[in-house]
């Protein structure tokens, strides 16, 4: 394992399955090398944290493949799927935030979130206040 260093803050804005999946992969990799990591789900990406249907309601990627089929194609190749990556991020101590403004903008503020994921609701100020000097910010 690498030395703990500057953290990583990933802003998942897009509701595109491939972008959300890659954000989870990036977070899991960063956590695996001891980089403190926060994933901030906002706008279309908020749907990935919904209790019912959740990530299945994300948009198809540029290839037009539905999320469940894209996920199956990845797992069939021996790659981590959405659920495996999300579980790894949680198990490795990644912080999962959901944007209050994003939930409201998407009319999801009263929708139940996944009970198996420790989600913290907050806003941009919360995300930025928690950042340490030197933290990297990634926007997907």
C-alpha atoms as a PDB file:
ATOM      1  CA  UNK A   1       0.000   0.000   0.000  1.00  0.00           C
ATOM      2  CA  UNK A   2       1.079   3.546  -0.705  1.00  0.00           C
ATOM      3  CA  UNK A   3       1.515   6.240   1.865  1.00  0.00           C
ATOM      4  CA  UNK A   4      -1.469   8.289   2.872  1.00  0.00           C
ATOM      5  CA  UNK A   5      -1.390  11.606   1.090  1.00  0.00           C
ATOM      6  CA  UNK A   6      -3.599  14.230  -0.371  1.00  0.00           C
ATOM      7  CA  UNK A   7      -7.204  13.224  -0.692  1.00  0.00           C
ATOM      8  CA  UNK A   8      -9.350  12.862  -3.757  1.00  0.00           C
ATOM      9  CA  UNK A   9     -12.761  14.445  -4.204  1.00  0.00           C
ATOM     10  CA  UNK A  10     -14.798  13.071  -7.081  1.00  0.00           C
ATOM     11  CA  UNK A  11     -17.841  15.042  -8.207  1.00  0.00           C
ATOM     12  CA  UNK A  12     -20.206  12.740 -10.086  1.00  0.00           C
ATOM     13  CA  UNK A  13     -22.455  15.123 -12.021  1.00  0.00           C
ATOM     14  CA  UNK A  14     -23.370  13.005 -15.018  1.00  0.00           C
ATOM     15  CA  UNK A  15     -26.136  10.449 -14.836  1.00  0.00           C
ATOM     16  CA  UNK A  16     -24.295   8.382 -17.458  1.00  0.00           C
ATOM     17  CA  UNK A  17     -23.659   4.840 -16.198  1.00  0.00           C
ATOM     18  CA  UNK A  18     -20.114   4.661 -17.613  1.00  0.00           C
ATOM     19  CA  UNK A  19     -19.079   7.898 -15.884  1.00  0.00           C
ATOM     20  CA  UNK A  20     -20.563   6.871 -12.537  1.00  0.00           C
ATOM     21  CA  UNK A  21     -18.987   3.422 -12.815  1.00  0.00           C
ATOM     22  CA  UNK A  22     -15.594   4.933 -13.640  1.00  0.00           C
ATOM     23  CA  UNK A  23     -15.907   7.356 -10.732  1.00  0.00           C
ATOM     24  CA  UNK A  24     -16.455   4.407  -8.403  1.00  0.00           C
ATOM     25  CA  UNK A  25     -13.469   2.595  -9.929  1.00  0.00           C
ATOM     26  CA  UNK A  26     -11.282   5.680  -9.432  1.00  0.00           C
ATOM     27  CA  UNK A  27     -12.457   6.025  -5.830  1.00  0.00           C
ATOM     28  CA  UNK A  28     -11.807   2.352  -5.037  1.00  0.00           C
ATOM     29  CA  UNK A  29      -8.317   2.576  -6.538  1.00  0.00           C
ATOM     30  CA  UNK A  30      -7.509   5.749  -4.606  1.00  0.00           C
ATOM     31  CA  UNK A  31      -8.713   4.201  -1.356  1.00  0.00           C
ATOM     32  CA  UNK A  32      -6.703   1.041  -2.055  1.00  0.00           C
ATOM     33  CA  UNK A  33      -3.530   3.162  -2.095  1.00  0.00           C
ATOM     34  CA  UNK A  34      -4.567   4.991   1.085  1.00  0.00           C
ATOM     35  CA  UNK A  35      -5.797   8.253  -0.437  1.00  0.00           C
ATOM     36  CA  UNK A  36      -8.749   9.594   1.549  1.00  0.00           C
ATOM     37  CA  UNK A  37     -11.599   9.830  -0.945  1.00  0.00           C
ATOM     38  CA  UNK A  38     -15.018  11.470  -1.084  1.00  0.00           C
ATOM     39  CA  UNK A  39     -17.534  10.884  -3.853  1.00  0.00           C
ATOM     40  CA  UNK A  40     -20.062  13.696  -4.247  1.00  0.00           C
ATOM     41  CA  UNK A  41     -23.138  12.548  -6.197  1.00  0.00           C
ATOM     42  CA  UNK A  42     -25.123  15.390  -7.738  1.00  0.00           C
ATOM     43  CA  UNK A  43     -27.679  16.024 -10.479  1.00  0.00           C
ATOM     44  CA  UNK A  44     -28.227  12.914 -12.671  1.00  0.00           C
ATOM     45  CA  UNK A  45     -25.722  10.854 -10.695  1.00  0.00           C
ATOM     46  CA  UNK A  46     -27.946  11.132  -7.588  1.00  0.00           C
ATOM     47  CA  UNK A  47     -30.164   8.412  -9.077  1.00  0.00           C
ATOM     48  CA  UNK A  48     -27.368   5.882  -8.474  1.00  0.00           C
ATOM     49  CA  UNK A  49     -27.993   6.144  -4.727  1.00  0.00           C
ATOM     50  CA  UNK A  50     -31.761   5.637  -4.818  1.00  0.00           C
ATOM     51  CA  UNK A  51     -33.078   2.687  -2.846  1.00  0.00           C
ATOM     52  CA  UNK A  52     -35.319   1.344  -5.595  1.00  0.00           C
ATOM     53  CA  UNK A  53     -33.938   0.765  -9.079  1.00  0.00           C
ATOM     54  CA  UNK A  54     -31.002   3.077  -8.293  1.00  0.00           C
ATOM     55  CA  UNK A  55     -28.161   2.721 -10.743  1.00  0.00           C
ATOM     56  CA  UNK A  56     -30.405   0.845 -13.186  1.00  0.00           C
ATOM     57  CA  UNK A  57     -32.066   4.208 -13.897  1.00  0.00           C
ATOM     58  CA  UNK A  58     -28.805   5.862 -14.956  1.00  0.00           C
ATOM     59  CA  UNK A  59     -28.512   6.896 -18.593  1.00  0.00           C
ATOM     60  CA  UNK A  60     -26.912   4.637 -21.181  1.00  0.00           C
ATOM     61  CA  UNK A  61     -23.408   5.674 -22.083  1.00  0.00           C
ATOM     62  CA  UNK A  62     -22.271   6.976 -25.453  1.00  0.00           C
ATOM     63  CA  UNK A  63     -22.537   3.404 -26.713  1.00  0.00           C
ATOM     64  CA  UNK A  64     -26.284   3.392 -25.989  1.00  0.00           C
ATOM     65  CA  UNK A  65     -26.090   0.243 -23.868  1.00  0.00           C
ATOM     66  CA  UNK A  66     -28.518   0.140 -20.923  1.00  0.00           C
ATOM     67  CA  UNK A  67     -26.838   0.227 -17.487  1.00  0.00           C
ATOM     68  CA  UNK A  68     -27.689  -3.355 -16.524  1.00  0.00           C
ATOM     69  CA  UNK A  69     -26.316  -4.667 -19.836  1.00  0.00           C
ATOM     70  CA  UNK A  70     -23.187  -2.512 -19.596  1.00  0.00           C
ATOM     71  CA  UNK A  71     -22.619  -3.757 -16.042  1.00  0.00           C
ATOM     72  CA  UNK A  72     -23.083  -7.386 -17.124  1.00  0.00           C
ATOM     73  CA  UNK A  73     -20.630  -6.885 -20.004  1.00  0.00           C
ATOM     74  CA  UNK A  74     -18.032  -5.657 -17.509  1.00  0.00           C
ATOM     75  CA  UNK A  75     -18.560  -8.480 -15.011  1.00  0.00           C
ATOM     76  CA  UNK A  76     -18.533 -11.064 -17.824  1.00  0.00           C
ATOM     77  CA  UNK A  77     -14.993  -9.830 -18.592  1.00  0.00           C
ATOM     78  CA  UNK A  78     -13.948 -10.305 -14.978  1.00  0.00           C
ATOM     79  CA  UNK A  79     -14.158  -6.584 -14.143  1.00  0.00           C
ATOM     80  CA  UNK A  80     -15.877  -5.132 -11.121  1.00  0.00           C
ATOM     81  CA  UNK A  81     -19.502  -4.177 -11.606  1.00  0.00           C
ATOM     82  CA  UNK A  82     -21.349  -1.296 -10.016  1.00  0.00           C
ATOM     83  CA  UNK A  83     -22.364  -3.106  -6.815  1.00  0.00           C
ATOM     84  CA  UNK A  84     -18.890  -4.550  -6.247  1.00  0.00           C
ATOM     85  CA  UNK A  85     -17.235  -1.149  -6.684  1.00  0.00           C
ATOM     86  CA  UNK A  86     -19.718   0.639  -4.449  1.00  0.00           C
ATOM     87  CA  UNK A  87     -19.264  -2.015  -1.743  1.00  0.00           C
ATOM     88  CA  UNK A  88     -15.473  -1.682  -2.040  1.00  0.00           C
ATOM     89  CA  UNK A  89     -15.623   2.096  -1.656  1.00  0.00           C
ATOM     90  CA  UNK A  90     -17.767   1.726   1.465  1.00  0.00           C
ATOM     91  CA  UNK A  91     -15.596  -1.085   2.905  1.00  0.00           C
ATOM     92  CA  UNK A  92     -12.398   0.903   2.299  1.00  0.00           C
ATOM     93  CA  UNK A  93     -13.796   3.904   4.181  1.00  0.00           C
ATOM     94  CA  UNK A  94     -14.683   6.207   1.306  1.00  0.00           C
ATOM     95  CA  UNK A  95     -17.081   9.017   2.074  1.00  0.00           C
ATOM     96  CA  UNK A  96     -20.282   9.049   0.038  1.00  0.00           C
ATOM     97  CA  UNK A  97     -22.076  12.381  -0.175  1.00  0.00           C
ATOM     98  CA  UNK A  98     -25.242  13.296  -2.028  1.00  0.00           C
ATOM     99  CA  UNK A  99     -25.941  16.879  -2.986  1.00  0.00           C
ATOM    100  CA  UNK A 100     -29.067  18.385  -1.457  1.00  0.00           C
ATOM    101  CA  UNK A 101     -29.352  20.802  -4.382  1.00  0.00           C
ATOM    102  CA  UNK A 102     -28.928  17.958  -6.882  1.00  0.00           C
ATOM    103  CA  UNK A 103     -31.663  15.933  -5.198  1.00  0.00           C
ATOM    104  CA  UNK A 104     -33.997  18.931  -5.276  1.00  0.00           C
ATOM    105  CA  UNK A 105     -33.153  19.786  -8.896  1.00  0.00           C
ATOM    106  CA  UNK A 106     -33.913  16.209  -9.955  1.00  0.00           C
ATOM    107  CA  UNK A 107     -37.136  16.138  -7.848  1.00  0.00           C
ATOM    108  CA  UNK A 108     -35.673  13.336  -5.711  1.00  0.00           C
ATOM    109  CA  UNK A 109     -35.519  15.047  -2.326  1.00  0.00           C
ATOM    110  CA  UNK A 110     -38.178  12.748  -0.832  1.00  0.00           C
ATOM    111  CA  UNK A 111     -36.974   9.562  -2.552  1.00  0.00           C
ATOM    112  CA  UNK A 112     -35.437   7.020  -0.166  1.00  0.00           C
ATOM    113  CA  UNK A 113     -31.711   6.444  -0.527  1.00  0.00           C
ATOM    114  CA  UNK A 114     -29.967   3.086  -0.252  1.00  0.00           C
ATOM    115  CA  UNK A 115     -29.943   1.909   3.380  1.00  0.00           C
ATOM    116  CA  UNK A 116     -26.761  -0.150   2.815  1.00  0.00           C
ATOM    117  CA  UNK A 117     -24.637   2.884   1.933  1.00  0.00           C
ATOM    118  CA  UNK A 118     -23.693   5.457   4.607  1.00  0.00           C
ATOM    119  CA  UNK A 119     -24.727   8.531   2.614  1.00  0.00           C
ATOM    120  CA  UNK A 120     -24.163  12.011   4.004  1.00  0.00           C
ATOM    121  CA  UNK A 121     -26.393  14.732   2.598  1.00  0.00           C
ATOM    122  CA  UNK A 122     -24.723  18.065   2.082  1.00  0.00           C
ATOM    123  CA  UNK A 123     -23.985  20.779  -0.377  1.00  0.00           C
ATOM    124  CA  UNK A 124     -21.062  22.266  -2.182  1.00  0.00           C
ATOM    125  CA  UNK A 125     -20.022  24.212   0.902  1.00  0.00           C
ATOM    126  CA  UNK A 126     -19.886  20.959   2.884  1.00  0.00           C
ATOM    127  CA  UNK A 127     -17.805  19.290   0.174  1.00  0.00           C
ATOM    128  CA  UNK A 128     -15.364  22.177  -0.063  1.00  0.00           C
ATOM    129  CA  UNK A 129     -15.131  22.840   3.674  1.00  0.00           C
ATOM    130  CA  UNK A 130     -14.066  19.239   4.249  1.00  0.00           C
ATOM    131  CA  UNK A 131     -11.309  19.386   1.638  1.00  0.00           C
ATOM    132  CA  UNK A 132      -7.722  19.536   2.824  1.00  0.00           C
ATOM    133  CA  UNK A 133      -5.039  21.621   1.141  1.00  0.00           C
ATOM    134  CA  UNK A 134      -3.620  19.592  -1.719  1.00  0.00           C
ATOM    135  CA  UNK A 135      -6.732  17.484  -2.272  1.00  0.00           C
ATOM    136  CA  UNK A 136      -7.393  16.743  -5.924  1.00  0.00           C
ATOM    137  CA  UNK A 137     -10.823  17.417  -7.406  1.00  0.00           C
ATOM    138  CA  UNK A 138     -12.158  15.314 -10.274  1.00  0.00           C
ATOM    139  CA  UNK A 139     -15.372  16.161 -12.115  1.00  0.00           C
ATOM    140  CA  UNK A 140     -17.232  13.423 -14.066  1.00  0.00           C
END
